[in-house]
C-alpha cells in the first residue's frame, strides 16, 4: 500500500523560496511514472485545489495562480516528487498535500500535509 510523506514546509518572507518534498513508499516505478502525482493545497474552510502535478502521460499541469513561480519535478530512483516554490506571496499560505492517483483509478493517496506560511 502506498504512503506519501511530505516535508519542507515552513515560514518564509514574501518573495522567498521553499522546496517541498514528497517521499513515496510502497509505490512501484510504473505507478510512480504512469499516474497523476503532484501537489494540492488547502486553506481552512476552502476546498483543496490543484497546485501542480504530473499527469501520468508525460506532461504536467499547473494552476493559473502559479504564474511560472512553481516547478514540479521528480526523482524516479528516490521515488520522490518535489515542488520548488519561488517568489512566494502571502496568498500562498496553505497546507500543501502530496497526491497520487494510481493509473487514474480514483483510488487516491494523500500525504498528511505540510504547512507553508508566507509572512513578513
PDB file of N, CA and C in Angstrom:
ATOM      1  N   UNK A   1       0.846  -1.188   0.000  1.00  0.00           N
ATOM      2  CA  UNK A   1       0.000   0.000   0.000  1.00  0.00           C
ATOM      3  C   UNK A   1       0.875   1.228   0.000  1.00  0.00           C
ATOM      4  N   UNK A   2       0.531   2.193  -0.839  1.00  0.00           N
ATOM      5  CA  UNK A   2       1.344   3.390  -0.975  1.00  0.00           C
ATOM      6  C   UNK A   2       1.233   4.308   0.215  1.00  0.00           C
ATOM      7  N   UNK A   3       2.325   5.030   0.462  1.00  0.00           N
ATOM      8  CA  UNK A   3       2.358   6.012   1.545  1.00  0.00           C
ATOM      9  C   UNK A   3       3.114   7.215   1.050  1.00  0.00           C
ATOM     10  N   UNK A   4       2.598   8.396   1.398  1.00  0.00           N
ATOM     11  CA  UNK A   4       3.210   9.646   0.960  1.00  0.00           C
ATOM     12  C   UNK A   4       3.563  10.470   2.195  1.00  0.00           C
ATOM     13  N   UNK A   5       4.788  10.975   2.264  1.00  0.00           N
ATOM     14  CA  UNK A   5       5.227  11.776   3.401  1.00  0.00           C
ATOM     15  C   UNK A   5       5.853  13.064   2.885  1.00  0.00           C
ATOM     16  N   UNK A   6       5.231  14.190   3.231  1.00  0.00           N
ATOM     17  CA  UNK A   6       5.729  15.490   2.796  1.00  0.00           C
ATOM     18  C   UNK A   6       6.713  16.061   3.816  1.00  0.00           C
ATOM     19  N   UNK A   7       7.573  16.936   3.324  1.00  0.00           N
ATOM     20  CA  UNK A   7       8.467  17.692   4.177  1.00  0.00           C
ATOM     21  C   UNK A   7       8.864  18.972   3.444  1.00  0.00           C
ATOM     22  N   UNK A   8       9.466  19.895   4.178  1.00  0.00           N
ATOM     23  CA  UNK A   8       9.997  21.098   3.557  1.00  0.00           C
ATOM     24  C   UNK A   8       9.184  22.352   3.773  1.00  0.00           C
ATOM     25  N   UNK A   9       8.027  22.231   4.416  1.00  0.00           N
ATOM     26  CA  UNK A   9       7.240  23.428   4.676  1.00  0.00           C
ATOM     27  C   UNK A   9       7.893  24.300   5.741  1.00  0.00           C
ATOM     28  N   UNK A  10       7.318  25.476   5.952  1.00  0.00           N
ATOM     29  CA  UNK A  10       7.853  26.371   6.963  1.00  0.00           C
ATOM     30  C   UNK A  10       7.380  27.786   6.755  1.00  0.00           C
ATOM     31  N   UNK A  11       8.042  28.694   7.464  1.00  0.00           N
ATOM     32  CA  UNK A  11       7.727  30.116   7.400  1.00  0.00           C
ATOM     33  C   UNK A  11       8.769  30.814   6.529  1.00  0.00           C
ATOM     34  N   UNK A  12       8.306  31.607   5.591  1.00  0.00           N
ATOM     35  CA  UNK A  12       9.210  32.320   4.687  1.00  0.00           C
ATOM     36  C   UNK A  12       8.655  33.718   4.446  1.00  0.00           C
ATOM     37  N   UNK A  13       9.533  34.657   4.169  1.00  0.00           N
ATOM     38  CA  UNK A  13       9.107  36.022   3.872  1.00  0.00           C
ATOM     39  C   UNK A  13       8.597  36.133   2.439  1.00  0.00           C
ATOM     40  N   UNK A  14       7.739  37.103   2.187  1.00  0.00           N
ATOM     41  CA  UNK A  14       7.291  37.320   0.805  1.00  0.00           C
ATOM     42  C   UNK A  14       8.480  37.499  -0.129  1.00  0.00           C
ATOM     43  N   UNK A  15       8.380  36.860  -1.291  1.00  0.00           N
ATOM     44  CA  UNK A  15       9.478  36.876  -2.247  1.00  0.00           C
ATOM     45  C   UNK A  15      10.467  35.752  -2.060  1.00  0.00           C
ATOM     46  N   UNK A  16      10.333  35.006  -0.978  1.00  0.00           N
ATOM     47  CA  UNK A  16      11.253  33.920  -0.696  1.00  0.00           C
ATOM     48  C   UNK A  16      10.900  32.637  -1.425  1.00  0.00           C
ATOM     49  N   UNK A  17      11.678  31.597  -1.131  1.00  0.00           N
ATOM     50  CA  UNK A  17      11.510  30.302  -1.801  1.00  0.00           C
ATOM     51  C   UNK A  17      11.454  29.169  -0.789  1.00  0.00           C
ATOM     52  N   UNK A  18      10.788  28.118  -1.174  1.00  0.00           N
ATOM     53  CA  UNK A  18      10.764  26.869  -0.415  1.00  0.00           C
ATOM     54  C   UNK A  18      10.742  25.717  -1.409  1.00  0.00           C
ATOM     55  N   UNK A  19      11.266  24.583  -0.972  1.00  0.00           N
ATOM     56  CA  UNK A  19      11.200  23.368  -1.773  1.00  0.00           C
ATOM     57  C   UNK A  19      10.539  22.277  -0.940  1.00  0.00           C
ATOM     58  N   UNK A  20       9.387  21.844  -1.395  1.00  0.00           N
ATOM     59  CA  UNK A  20       8.681  20.760  -0.734  1.00  0.00           C
ATOM     60  C   UNK A  20       9.100  19.430  -1.342  1.00  0.00           C
ATOM     61  N   UNK A  21       9.145  18.417  -0.498  1.00  0.00           N
ATOM     62  CA  UNK A  21       9.454  17.064  -0.949  1.00  0.00           C
ATOM     63  C   UNK A  21       8.343  16.125  -0.520  1.00  0.00           C
ATOM     64  N   UNK A  22       8.088  15.133  -1.333  1.00  0.00           N
ATOM     65  CA  UNK A  22       7.114  14.093  -1.004  1.00  0.00           C
ATOM     66  C   UNK A  22       7.745  12.750  -1.314  1.00  0.00           C
ATOM     67  N   UNK A  23       8.102  12.049  -0.243  1.00  0.00           N
ATOM     68  CA  UNK A  23       8.702  10.735  -0.388  1.00  0.00           C
ATOM     69  C   UNK A  23       7.589   9.696  -0.439  1.00  0.00           C
ATOM     70  N   UNK A  24       7.579   8.906  -1.499  1.00  0.00           N
ATOM     71  CA  UNK A  24       6.585   7.843  -1.600  1.00  0.00           C
ATOM     72  C   UNK A  24       7.225   6.520  -1.194  1.00  0.00           C
ATOM     73  N   UNK A  25       6.423   5.635  -0.642  1.00  0.00           N
ATOM     74  CA  UNK A  25       6.880   4.284  -0.342  1.00  0.00           C
ATOM     75  C   UNK A  25       5.785   3.309  -0.727  1.00  0.00           C
ATOM     76  N   UNK A  26       6.204   2.097  -1.068  1.00  0.00           N
ATOM     77  CA  UNK A  26       5.232   1.103  -1.499  1.00  0.00           C
ATOM     78  C   UNK A  26       4.638   1.407  -2.862  1.00  0.00           C
ATOM     79  N   UNK A  27       5.347   2.210  -3.666  1.00  0.00           N
ATOM     80  CA  UNK A  27       4.856   2.603  -4.991  1.00  0.00           C
ATOM     81  C   UNK A  27       5.843   2.102  -6.036  1.00  0.00           C
ATOM     82  N   UNK A  28       5.390   1.224  -6.905  1.00  0.00           N
ATOM     83  CA  UNK A  28       6.291   0.698  -7.927  1.00  0.00           C
ATOM     84  C   UNK A  28       6.528   1.747  -9.011  1.00  0.00           C
ATOM     85  N   UNK A  29       7.601   1.587  -9.772  1.00  0.00           N
ATOM     86  CA  UNK A  29       8.013   2.615 -10.720  1.00  0.00           C
ATOM     87  C   UNK A  29       6.947   2.892 -11.782  1.00  0.00           C
ATOM     88  N   UNK A  30       6.277   1.860 -12.242  1.00  0.00           N
ATOM     89  CA  UNK A  30       5.269   2.074 -13.293  1.00  0.00           C
ATOM     90  C   UNK A  30       4.115   2.934 -12.786  1.00  0.00           C
ATOM     91  N   UNK A  31       3.766   2.777 -11.531  1.00  0.00           N
ATOM     92  CA  UNK A  31       2.728   3.627 -10.932  1.00  0.00           C
ATOM     93  C   UNK A  31       3.278   5.030 -10.730  1.00  0.00           C
ATOM     94  N   UNK A  32       4.505   5.140 -10.239  1.00  0.00           N
ATOM     95  CA  UNK A  32       5.127   6.439  -9.975  1.00  0.00           C
ATOM     96  C   UNK A  32       5.171   7.278 -11.249  1.00  0.00           C
ATOM     97  N   UNK A  33       5.473   6.649 -12.378  1.00  0.00           N
ATOM     98  CA  UNK A  33       5.601   7.386 -13.635  1.00  0.00           C
ATOM     99  C   UNK A  33       4.315   7.462 -14.446  1.00  0.00           C
ATOM    100  N   UNK A  34       3.416   6.527 -14.204  1.00  0.00           N
ATOM    101  CA  UNK A  34       2.238   6.433 -15.058  1.00  0.00           C
ATOM    102  C   UNK A  34       0.954   6.933 -14.432  1.00  0.00           C
ATOM    103  N   UNK A  35       1.091   7.742 -13.384  1.00  0.00           N
ATOM    104  CA  UNK A  35      -0.095   8.175 -12.647  1.00  0.00           C
ATOM    105  C   UNK A  35      -0.031   9.664 -12.361  1.00  0.00           C
ATOM    106  N   UNK A  36      -1.184  10.317 -12.208  1.00  0.00           N
ATOM    107  CA  UNK A  36      -1.182  11.685 -11.696  1.00  0.00           C
ATOM    108  C   UNK A  36      -0.496  11.717 -10.327  1.00  0.00           C
ATOM    109  N   UNK A  37       0.515  12.573 -10.210  1.00  0.00           N
ATOM    110  CA  UNK A  37       1.331  12.650  -8.993  1.00  0.00           C
ATOM    111  C   UNK A  37       1.762  14.093  -8.841  1.00  0.00           C
ATOM    112  N   UNK A  38       1.377  14.701  -7.727  1.00  0.00           N
ATOM    113  CA  UNK A  38       1.762  16.095  -7.573  1.00  0.00           C
ATOM    114  C   UNK A  38       1.249  16.706  -6.291  1.00  0.00           C
ATOM    115  N   UNK A  39       0.896  17.993  -6.390  1.00  0.00           N
ATOM    116  CA  UNK A  39       0.646  18.799  -5.205  1.00  0.00           C
ATOM    117  C   UNK A  39      -0.689  19.540  -5.276  1.00  0.00           C
ATOM    118  N   UNK A  40      -1.374  19.548  -4.138  1.00  0.00           N
ATOM    119  CA  UNK A  40      -2.574  20.331  -3.933  1.00  0.00           C
ATOM    120  C   UNK A  40      -2.350  21.195  -2.702  1.00  0.00           C
ATOM    121  N   UNK A  41      -3.232  22.136  -2.484  1.00  0.00           N
ATOM    122  CA  UNK A  41      -3.170  22.925  -1.272  1.00  0.00           C
ATOM    123  C   UNK A  41      -4.574  23.234  -0.794  1.00  0.00           C
ATOM    124  N   UNK A  42      -4.661  23.549   0.499  1.00  0.00           N
ATOM    125  CA  UNK A  42      -5.963  23.793   1.101  1.00  0.00           C
ATOM    126  C   UNK A  42      -5.833  24.785   2.237  1.00  0.00           C
ATOM    127  N   UNK A  43      -6.691  25.788   2.209  1.00  0.00           N
ATOM    128  CA  UNK A  43      -6.785  26.746   3.308  1.00  0.00           C
ATOM    129  C   UNK A  43      -7.987  26.387   4.158  1.00  0.00           C
ATOM    130  N   UNK A  44      -7.997  26.792   5.415  1.00  0.00           N
ATOM    131  CA  UNK A  44      -9.135  26.489   6.291  1.00  0.00           C
ATOM    132  C   UNK A  44     -10.449  26.978   5.688  1.00  0.00           C
ATOM    133  N   UNK A  45     -11.430  26.099   5.652  1.00  0.00           N
ATOM    134  CA  UNK A  45     -12.737  26.469   5.148  1.00  0.00           C
ATOM    135  C   UNK A  45     -12.865  26.498   3.643  1.00  0.00           C
ATOM    136  N   UNK A  46     -11.787  26.138   2.949  1.00  0.00           N
ATOM    137  CA  UNK A  46     -11.819  26.138   1.484  1.00  0.00           C
ATOM    138  C   UNK A  46     -11.597  24.734   0.957  1.00  0.00           C
ATOM    139  N   UNK A  47     -11.952  24.540  -0.301  1.00  0.00           N
ATOM    140  CA  UNK A  47     -11.736  23.241  -0.925  1.00  0.00           C
ATOM    141  C   UNK A  47     -10.263  23.089  -1.309  1.00  0.00           C
ATOM    142  N   UNK A  48      -9.831  21.841  -1.336  1.00  0.00           N
ATOM    143  CA  UNK A  48      -8.480  21.555  -1.764  1.00  0.00           C
ATOM    144  C   UNK A  48      -8.371  21.866  -3.264  1.00  0.00           C
ATOM    145  N   UNK A  49      -7.261  22.503  -3.658  1.00  0.00           N
ATOM    146  CA  UNK A  49      -7.110  22.895  -5.059  1.00  0.00           C
ATOM    147  C   UNK A  49      -5.772  22.430  -5.615  1.00  0.00           C
ATOM    148  N   UNK A  50      -5.780  22.170  -6.909  1.00  0.00           N
ATOM    149  CA  UNK A  50      -4.573  21.737  -7.589  1.00  0.00           C
ATOM    150  C   UNK A  50      -3.542  22.858  -7.608  1.00  0.00           C
ATOM    151  N   UNK A  51      -2.286  22.500  -7.335  1.00  0.00           N
ATOM    152  CA  UNK A  51      -1.164  23.424  -7.489  1.00  0.00           C
ATOM    153  C   UNK A  51      -0.366  23.042  -8.731  1.00  0.00           C
ATOM    154  N   UNK A  52       0.173  21.837  -8.729  1.00  0.00           N
ATOM    155  CA  UNK A  52       0.984  21.365  -9.849  1.00  0.00           C
ATOM    156  C   UNK A  52       1.057  19.852  -9.786  1.00  0.00           C
ATOM    157  N   UNK A  53       1.011  19.219 -10.947  1.00  0.00           N
ATOM    158  CA  UNK A  53       1.030  17.769 -10.951  1.00  0.00           C
ATOM    159  C   UNK A  53       1.581  17.215 -12.255  1.00  0.00           C
ATOM    160  N   UNK A  54       2.200  16.066 -12.175  1.00  0.00           N
ATOM    161  CA  UNK A  54       2.451  15.256 -13.359  1.00  0.00           C
ATOM    162  C   UNK A  54       1.124  14.581 -13.697  1.00  0.00           C
ATOM    163  N   UNK A  55       0.831  14.517 -15.012  1.00  0.00           N
ATOM    164  CA  UNK A  55      -0.483  13.989 -15.383  1.00  0.00           C
ATOM    165  C   UNK A  55      -0.475  12.491 -15.637  1.00  0.00           C
ATOM    166  N   UNK A  56       0.687  11.861 -15.532  1.00  0.00           N
ATOM    167  CA  UNK A  56       0.765  10.424 -15.744  1.00  0.00           C
ATOM    168  C   UNK A  56       0.891  10.031 -17.206  1.00  0.00           C
ATOM    169  N   UNK A  57       0.902  11.022 -18.096  1.00  0.00           N
ATOM    170  CA  UNK A  57       1.043  10.753 -19.535  1.00  0.00           C
ATOM    171  C   UNK A  57       2.244  11.490 -20.116  1.00  0.00           C
ATOM    172  N   UNK A  58       3.166  11.867 -19.243  1.00  0.00           N
ATOM    173  CA  UNK A  58       4.387  12.542 -19.680  1.00  0.00           C
ATOM    174  C   UNK A  58       4.335  14.046 -19.607  1.00  0.00           C
ATOM    175  N   UNK A  59       3.215  14.592 -19.168  1.00  0.00           N
ATOM    176  CA  UNK A  59       3.089  16.034 -19.091  1.00  0.00           C
ATOM    177  C   UNK A  59       2.864  16.526 -17.675  1.00  0.00           C
ATOM    178  N   UNK A  60       2.727  17.833 -17.541  1.00  0.00           N
ATOM    179  CA  UNK A  60       2.462  18.460 -16.260  1.00  0.00           C
ATOM    180  C   UNK A  60       1.300  19.436 -16.391  1.00  0.00           C
ATOM    181  N   UNK A  61       0.655  19.692 -15.253  1.00  0.00           N
ATOM    182  CA  UNK A  61      -0.411  20.691 -15.184  1.00  0.00           C
ATOM    183  C   UNK A  61      -0.107  21.618 -14.028  1.00  0.00           C
ATOM    184  N   UNK A  62      -0.343  22.891 -14.243  1.00  0.00           N
ATOM    185  CA  UNK A  62      -0.143  23.895 -13.205  1.00  0.00           C
ATOM    186  C   UNK A  62      -1.407  24.741 -13.059  1.00  0.00           C
ATOM    187  N   UNK A  63      -1.655  25.155 -11.826  1.00  0.00           N
ATOM    188  CA  UNK A  63      -2.733  26.101 -11.591  1.00  0.00           C
ATOM    189  C   UNK A  63      -2.356  27.457 -12.156  1.00  0.00           C
ATOM    190  N   UNK A  64      -3.355  28.224 -12.556  1.00  0.00           N
ATOM    191  CA  UNK A  64      -3.080  29.555 -13.120  1.00  0.00           C
ATOM    192  C   UNK A  64      -2.352  30.445 -12.132  1.00  0.00           C
ATOM    193  N   UNK A  65      -2.660  30.293 -10.843  1.00  0.00           N
ATOM    194  CA  UNK A  65      -2.062  31.194  -9.861  1.00  0.00           C
ATOM    195  C   UNK A  65      -0.565  30.929  -9.659  1.00  0.00           C
ATOM    196  N   UNK A  66      -0.074  29.829 -10.195  1.00  0.00           N
ATOM    197  CA  UNK A  66       1.356  29.529 -10.099  1.00  0.00           C
ATOM    198  C   UNK A  66       2.174  30.536 -10.899  1.00  0.00           C
ATOM    199  N   UNK A  67       1.656  30.933 -12.067  1.00  0.00           N
ATOM    200  CA  UNK A  67       2.231  32.018 -12.885  1.00  0.00           C
ATOM    201  C   UNK A  67       3.721  31.830 -13.152  1.00  0.00           C
ATOM    202  N   UNK A  68       4.155  30.600 -13.334  1.00  0.00           N
ATOM    203  CA  UNK A  68       5.556  30.349 -13.609  1.00  0.00           C
ATOM    204  C   UNK A  68       6.453  30.404 -12.395  1.00  0.00           C
ATOM    205  N   UNK A  69       5.882  30.543 -11.206  1.00  0.00           N
ATOM    206  CA  UNK A  69       6.685  30.646  -9.984  1.00  0.00           C
ATOM    207  C   UNK A  69       7.070  29.299  -9.418  1.00  0.00           C
ATOM    208  N   UNK A  70       6.240  28.288  -9.670  1.00  0.00           N
ATOM    209  CA  UNK A  70       6.446  26.964  -9.073  1.00  0.00           C
ATOM    210  C   UNK A  70       6.842  25.969 -10.156  1.00  0.00           C
ATOM    211  N   UNK A  71       7.626  24.961  -9.742  1.00  0.00           N
ATOM    212  CA  UNK A  71       8.018  23.899 -10.660  1.00  0.00           C
ATOM    213  C   UNK A  71       7.900  22.555  -9.955  1.00  0.00           C
ATOM    214  N   UNK A  72       7.221  21.619 -10.594  1.00  0.00           N
ATOM    215  CA  UNK A  72       7.121  20.262 -10.059  1.00  0.00           C
ATOM    216  C   UNK A  72       8.168  19.399 -10.764  1.00  0.00           C
ATOM    217  N   UNK A  73       8.827  18.543  -9.982  1.00  0.00           N
ATOM    218  CA  UNK A  73       9.837  17.643 -10.545  1.00  0.00           C
ATOM    219  C   UNK A  73       9.814  16.345  -9.747  1.00  0.00           C
ATOM    220  N   UNK A  74      10.520  15.333 -10.240  1.00  0.00           N
ATOM    221  CA  UNK A  74      10.534  14.071  -9.509  1.00  0.00           C
ATOM    222  C   UNK A  74      11.830  13.332  -9.752  1.00  0.00           C
ATOM    223  N   UNK A  75      12.131  12.451  -8.822  1.00  0.00           N
ATOM    224  CA  UNK A  75      13.320  11.604  -8.874  1.00  0.00           C
ATOM    225  C   UNK A  75      12.843  10.158  -8.851  1.00  0.00           C
ATOM    226  N   UNK A  76      12.991   9.465  -9.975  1.00  0.00           N
ATOM    227  CA  UNK A  76      12.475   8.092 -10.066  1.00  0.00           C
ATOM    228  C   UNK A  76      13.200   7.147  -9.127  1.00  0.00           C
ATOM    229  N   UNK A  77      14.497   7.354  -8.931  1.00  0.00           N
ATOM    230  CA  UNK A  77      15.254   6.447  -8.066  1.00  0.00           C
ATOM    231  C   UNK A  77      14.824   6.612  -6.618  1.00  0.00           C
ATOM    232  N   UNK A  78      14.652   7.849  -6.193  1.00  0.00           N
ATOM    233  CA  UNK A  78      14.244   8.113  -4.814  1.00  0.00           C
ATOM    234  C   UNK A  78      12.733   8.012  -4.628  1.00  0.00           C
ATOM    235  N   UNK A  79      11.999   7.847  -5.723  1.00  0.00           N
ATOM    236  CA  UNK A  79      10.532   7.809  -5.664  1.00  0.00           C
ATOM    237  C   UNK A  79       9.995   9.033  -4.910  1.00  0.00           C
ATOM    238  N   UNK A  80      10.534  10.166  -5.240  1.00  0.00           N
ATOM    239  CA  UNK A  80      10.200  11.402  -4.556  1.00  0.00           C
ATOM    240  C   UNK A  80       9.773  12.461  -5.578  1.00  0.00           C
ATOM    241  N   UNK A  81       8.732  13.208  -5.231  1.00  0.00           N
ATOM    242  CA  UNK A  81       8.281  14.321  -6.062  1.00  0.00           C
ATOM    243  C   UNK A  81       8.509  15.617  -5.291  1.00  0.00           C
ATOM    244  N   UNK A  82       8.884  16.649  -6.017  1.00  0.00           N
ATOM    245  CA  UNK A  82       9.253  17.922  -5.409  1.00  0.00           C
ATOM    246  C   UNK A  82       8.367  19.047  -5.927  1.00  0.00           C
ATOM    247  N   UNK A  83       8.293  20.108  -5.136  1.00  0.00           N
ATOM    248  CA  UNK A  83       7.657  21.341  -5.584  1.00  0.00           C
ATOM    249  C   UNK A  83       8.581  22.489  -5.203  1.00  0.00           C
ATOM    250  N   UNK A  84       9.210  23.079  -6.201  1.00  0.00           N
ATOM    251  CA  UNK A  84      10.035  24.257  -5.976  1.00  0.00           C
ATOM    252  C   UNK A  84       9.149  25.475  -6.097  1.00  0.00           C
ATOM    253  N   UNK A  85       9.098  26.264  -5.036  1.00  0.00           N
ATOM    254  CA  UNK A  85       8.235  27.437  -4.994  1.00  0.00           C
ATOM    255  C   UNK A  85       9.093  28.686  -4.849  1.00  0.00           C
ATOM    256  N   UNK A  86       9.025  29.550  -5.823  1.00  0.00           N
ATOM    257  CA  UNK A  86       9.762  30.809  -5.814  1.00  0.00           C
ATOM    258  C   UNK A  86       8.799  31.988  -5.784  1.00  0.00           C
ATOM    259  N   UNK A  87       9.321  33.146  -5.446  1.00  0.00           N
ATOM    260  CA  UNK A  87       8.507  34.371  -5.413  1.00  0.00           C
ATOM    261  C   UNK A  87       7.214  34.160  -4.632  1.00  0.00           C
ATOM    262  N   UNK A  88       7.356  33.589  -3.461  1.00  0.00           N
ATOM    263  CA  UNK A  88       6.179  33.275  -2.657  1.00  0.00           C
ATOM    264  C   UNK A  88       5.465  34.533  -2.199  1.00  0.00           C
ATOM    265  N   UNK A  89       4.155  34.423  -2.146  1.00  0.00           N
ATOM    266  CA  UNK A  89       3.286  35.525  -1.759  1.00  0.00           C
ATOM    267  C   UNK A  89       2.480  35.115  -0.533  1.00  0.00           C
ATOM    268  N   UNK A  90       2.012  36.097   0.258  1.00  0.00           N
ATOM    269  CA  UNK A  90       1.179  35.731   1.424  1.00  0.00           C
ATOM    270  C   UNK A  90      -0.023  34.864   1.044  1.00  0.00           C
ATOM    271  N   UNK A  91      -0.535  35.048  -0.167  1.00  0.00           N
ATOM    272  CA  UNK A  91      -1.682  34.246  -0.623  1.00  0.00           C
ATOM    273  C   UNK A  91      -1.332  32.780  -0.819  1.00  0.00           C
ATOM    274  N   UNK A  92      -0.059  32.445  -0.825  1.00  0.00           N
ATOM    275  CA  UNK A  92       0.367  31.049  -0.952  1.00  0.00           C
ATOM    276  C   UNK A  92       0.346  30.314   0.384  1.00  0.00           C
ATOM    277  N   UNK A  93       0.020  31.006   1.449  1.00  0.00           N
ATOM    278  CA  UNK A  93      -0.057  30.376   2.765  1.00  0.00           C
ATOM    279  C   UNK A  93      -1.183  29.350   2.782  1.00  0.00           C
ATOM    280  N   UNK A  94      -0.827  28.094   3.012  1.00  0.00           N
ATOM    281  CA  UNK A  94      -1.784  26.994   2.975  1.00  0.00           C
ATOM    282  C   UNK A  94      -1.098  25.747   3.518  1.00  0.00           C
ATOM    283  N   UNK A  95      -1.895  24.699   3.681  1.00  0.00           N
ATOM    284  CA  UNK A  95      -1.328  23.377   3.888  1.00  0.00           C
ATOM    285  C   UNK A  95      -1.209  22.718   2.517  1.00  0.00           C
ATOM    286  N   UNK A  96      -0.021  22.224   2.210  1.00  0.00           N
ATOM    287  CA  UNK A  96       0.246  21.617   0.911  1.00  0.00           C
ATOM    288  C   UNK A  96       0.270  20.096   1.065  1.00  0.00           C
ATOM    289  N   UNK A  97      -0.449  19.448   0.157  1.00  0.00           N
ATOM    290  CA  UNK A  97      -0.613  17.997   0.224  1.00  0.00           C
ATOM    291  C   UNK A  97      -0.050  17.343  -1.028  1.00  0.00           C
ATOM    292  N   UNK A  98       0.633  16.254  -0.819  1.00  0.00           N
ATOM    293  CA  UNK A  98       1.075  15.405  -1.922  1.00  0.00           C
ATOM    294  C   UNK A  98      -0.062  14.466  -2.298  1.00  0.00           C
ATOM    295  N   UNK A  99      -0.180  14.183  -3.574  1.00  0.00           N
ATOM    296  CA  UNK A  99      -1.310  13.391  -4.083  1.00  0.00           C
ATOM    297  C   UNK A  99      -0.835  12.419  -5.139  1.00  0.00           C
ATOM    298  N   UNK A 100      -1.363  11.202  -5.065  1.00  0.00           N
ATOM    299  CA  UNK A 100      -1.098  10.179  -6.062  1.00  0.00           C
ATOM    300  C   UNK A 100      -2.414   9.490  -6.394  1.00  0.00           C
ATOM    301  N   UNK A 101      -2.701   9.368  -7.674  1.00  0.00           N
ATOM    302  CA  UNK A 101      -3.890   8.675  -8.149  1.00  0.00           C
ATOM    303  C   UNK A 101      -3.426   7.549  -9.079  1.00  0.00           C
ATOM    304  N   UNK A 102      -3.145   6.377  -8.517  1.00  0.00           N
ATOM    305  CA  UNK A 102      -2.542   5.294  -9.293  1.00  0.00           C
ATOM    306  C   UNK A 102      -3.298   4.980 -10.580  1.00  0.00           C
ATOM    307  N   UNK A 103      -2.632   5.182 -11.717  1.00  0.00           N
ATOM    308  CA  UNK A 103      -3.205   4.915 -13.033  1.00  0.00           C
ATOM    309  C   UNK A 103      -4.550   5.600 -13.243  1.00  0.00           C
ATOM    310  N   UNK A 104      -4.746   6.737 -12.559  1.00  0.00           N
ATOM    311  CA  UNK A 104      -6.003   7.496 -12.638  1.00  0.00           C
ATOM    312  C   UNK A 104      -7.206   6.636 -12.266  1.00  0.00           C
ATOM    313  N   UNK A 105      -7.012   5.732 -11.334  1.00  0.00           N
ATOM    314  CA  UNK A 105      -8.060   4.801 -10.933  1.00  0.00           C
ATOM    315  C   UNK A 105      -9.083   5.414  -9.999  1.00  0.00           C
ATOM    316  N   UNK A 106      -8.719   6.535  -9.356  1.00  0.00           N
ATOM    317  CA  UNK A 106      -9.593   7.102  -8.344  1.00  0.00           C
ATOM    318  C   UNK A 106      -9.290   6.610  -6.940  1.00  0.00           C
ATOM    319  N   UNK A 107      -8.454   5.584  -6.831  1.00  0.00           N
ATOM    320  CA  UNK A 107      -8.062   5.082  -5.506  1.00  0.00           C
ATOM    321  C   UNK A 107      -6.901   5.944  -5.014  1.00  0.00           C
ATOM    322  N   UNK A 108      -7.196   7.134  -4.598  1.00  0.00           N
ATOM    323  CA  UNK A 108      -6.185   8.154  -4.358  1.00  0.00           C
ATOM    324  C   UNK A 108      -5.466   7.981  -3.032  1.00  0.00           C
ATOM    325  N   UNK A 109      -4.231   8.461  -3.028  1.00  0.00           N
ATOM    326  CA  UNK A 109      -3.443   8.547  -1.811  1.00  0.00           C
ATOM    327  C   UNK A 109      -3.113  10.015  -1.548  1.00  0.00           C
ATOM    328  N   UNK A 110      -3.145  10.382  -0.268  1.00  0.00           N
ATOM    329  CA  UNK A 110      -2.790  11.737   0.147  1.00  0.00           C
ATOM    330  C   UNK A 110      -1.754  11.662   1.269  1.00  0.00           C
ATOM    331  N   UNK A 111      -0.857  12.618   1.272  1.00  0.00           N
ATOM    332  CA  UNK A 111       0.038  12.761   2.401  1.00  0.00           C
ATOM    333  C   UNK A 111      -0.662  13.476   3.538  1.00  0.00           C
ATOM    334  N   UNK A 112       0.075  13.656   4.627  1.00  0.00           N
ATOM    335  CA  UNK A 112      -0.506  14.272   5.818  1.00  0.00           C
ATOM    336  C   UNK A 112      -0.532  15.793   5.728  1.00  0.00           C
ATOM    337  N   UNK A 113       0.184  16.349   4.755  1.00  0.00           N
ATOM    338  CA  UNK A 113       0.214  17.798   4.577  1.00  0.00           C
ATOM    339  C   UNK A 113       1.394  18.444   5.261  1.00  0.00           C
ATOM    340  N   UNK A 114       1.850  19.545   4.677  1.00  0.00           N
ATOM    341  CA  UNK A 114       2.914  20.341   5.282  1.00  0.00           C
ATOM    342  C   UNK A 114       2.521  21.811   5.181  1.00  0.00           C
ATOM    343  N   UNK A 115       2.686  22.529   6.282  1.00  0.00           N
ATOM    344  CA  UNK A 115       2.240  23.922   6.351  1.00  0.00           C
ATOM    345  C   UNK A 115       3.266  24.842   5.700  1.00  0.00           C
ATOM    346  N   UNK A 116       2.793  25.692   4.806  1.00  0.00           N
ATOM    347  CA  UNK A 116       3.606  26.756   4.223  1.00  0.00           C
ATOM    348  C   UNK A 116       2.995  28.086   4.645  1.00  0.00           C
ATOM    349  N   UNK A 117       3.807  28.917   5.263  1.00  0.00           N
ATOM    350  CA  UNK A 117       3.342  30.229   5.719  1.00  0.00           C
ATOM    351  C   UNK A 117       4.255  31.297   5.141  1.00  0.00           C
ATOM    352  N   UNK A 118       3.637  32.288   4.486  1.00  0.00           N
ATOM    353  CA  UNK A 118       4.391  33.371   3.869  1.00  0.00           C
ATOM    354  C   UNK A 118       3.985  34.675   4.558  1.00  0.00           C
ATOM    355  N   UNK A 119       4.925  35.236   5.290  1.00  0.00           N
ATOM    356  CA  UNK A 119       4.613  36.425   6.071  1.00  0.00           C
ATOM    357  C   UNK A 119       5.889  37.177   6.398  1.00  0.00           C
ATOM    358  N   UNK A 120       5.756  38.491   6.507  1.00  0.00           N
ATOM    359  CA  UNK A 120       6.899  39.302   6.911  1.00  0.00           C
ATOM    360  C   UNK A 120       6.873  39.522   8.416  1.00  0.00           C
TER     361      UNK A 120
END
